[in-house]
């Protein structure tokens, strides 16, 4: 894994710990199911990440970070 990817994972996990990830998603008007389908995972997985029960890893975590980052850029959410 490259340095930039580690940095992205760190930022994602900070958003998850603070509860900002869920806020960004809901501010964008997206449901758990919509995000899960976009990432190719289950609604339960996204919920567990947002509640802090689990930590996303690998390519799926990076995809989730990139989705949240795009939502923040488009709507200014989570800033």
Protein backbone atom coordinates (compact mmCIF):
# COMPACT_ATOMS: atom_id res chain seq x y z
CA UNK A 1 0.00 0.00 0.00
CA UNK A 2 1.34 3.42 -0.94
CA UNK A 3 1.74 6.36 1.42
CA UNK A 4 -1.17 8.27 -0.14
CA UNK A 5 -3.47 5.31 0.40
CA UNK A 6 -2.44 5.09 4.05
CA UNK A 7 -3.20 8.79 4.42
CA UNK A 8 -6.61 8.28 2.84
CA UNK A 9 -7.37 5.39 5.21
CA UNK A 10 -6.37 7.54 8.16
CA UNK A 11 -8.69 10.35 7.04
CA UNK A 12 -11.57 7.93 6.49
CA UNK A 13 -11.15 6.40 9.92
CA UNK A 14 -11.08 9.86 11.51
CA UNK A 15 -14.38 10.66 9.79
CA UNK A 16 -15.85 7.41 11.04
CA UNK A 17 -14.66 7.92 14.64
CA UNK A 18 -16.10 11.43 14.77
CA UNK A 19 -19.44 10.47 13.23
CA UNK A 20 -18.80 12.80 10.31
CA UNK A 21 -18.99 10.01 7.72
CA UNK A 22 -22.65 9.36 8.50
CA UNK A 23 -23.35 13.10 8.53
CA UNK A 24 -21.73 13.54 5.12
CA UNK A 25 -23.80 10.68 3.71
CA UNK A 26 -27.08 11.92 5.13
CA UNK A 27 -26.35 15.55 4.18
CA UNK A 28 -25.96 14.33 0.62
CA UNK A 29 -29.35 12.64 0.87
CA UNK A 30 -27.96 9.13 0.45
CA UNK A 31 -29.25 6.06 2.21
CA UNK A 32 -27.12 3.26 3.62
CA UNK A 33 -28.38 1.03 0.81
CA UNK A 34 -27.41 3.48 -1.92
CA UNK A 35 -23.89 3.83 -0.55
CA UNK A 36 -23.60 0.07 -0.08
CA UNK A 37 -24.67 -0.60 -3.68
CA UNK A 38 -22.22 1.99 -5.00
CA UNK A 39 -19.40 0.34 -3.07
CA UNK A 40 -20.45 -3.24 -3.79
CA UNK A 41 -20.99 -4.18 -0.16
CA UNK A 42 -23.90 -4.66 2.21
CA UNK A 43 -26.00 -2.04 3.94
CA UNK A 44 -25.11 -3.74 7.23
CA UNK A 45 -21.38 -3.25 6.56
CA UNK A 46 -21.78 0.48 5.99
CA UNK A 47 -23.94 0.77 9.11
CA UNK A 48 -21.34 -1.08 11.20
CA UNK A 49 -18.59 1.21 9.90
CA UNK A 50 -20.60 4.31 10.71
CA UNK A 51 -21.48 3.03 14.20
CA UNK A 52 -17.86 2.13 14.90
CA UNK A 53 -18.54 -1.59 15.23
CA UNK A 54 -16.17 -2.44 12.37
CA UNK A 55 -13.37 -0.75 10.45
CA UNK A 56 -13.38 -0.83 6.64
CA UNK A 57 -10.18 -2.13 5.12
CA UNK A 58 -8.37 -2.33 1.79
CA UNK A 59 -9.84 -1.35 -1.54
CA UNK A 60 -13.36 -1.10 -0.14
CA UNK A 61 -12.22 1.39 2.49
CA UNK A 62 -10.45 3.46 -0.14
CA UNK A 63 -13.57 3.48 -2.32
CA UNK A 64 -15.65 4.62 0.65
CA UNK A 65 -13.17 7.41 1.43
CA UNK A 66 -13.20 8.59 -2.19
CA UNK A 67 -17.00 8.65 -2.21
CA UNK A 68 -17.11 10.69 1.00
CA UNK A 69 -14.40 13.02 -0.26
CA UNK A 70 -16.39 13.64 -3.46
CA UNK A 71 -19.56 14.32 -1.47
CA UNK A 72 -17.66 16.83 0.71
CA UNK A 73 -16.31 18.59 -2.38
CA UNK A 74 -19.72 18.78 -4.03
CA UNK A 75 -21.74 19.86 -1.05
CA UNK A 76 -19.32 21.27 1.45
CA UNK A 77 -20.59 18.69 3.98
CA UNK A 78 -18.38 17.70 6.85
CA UNK A 79 -16.15 20.77 6.65
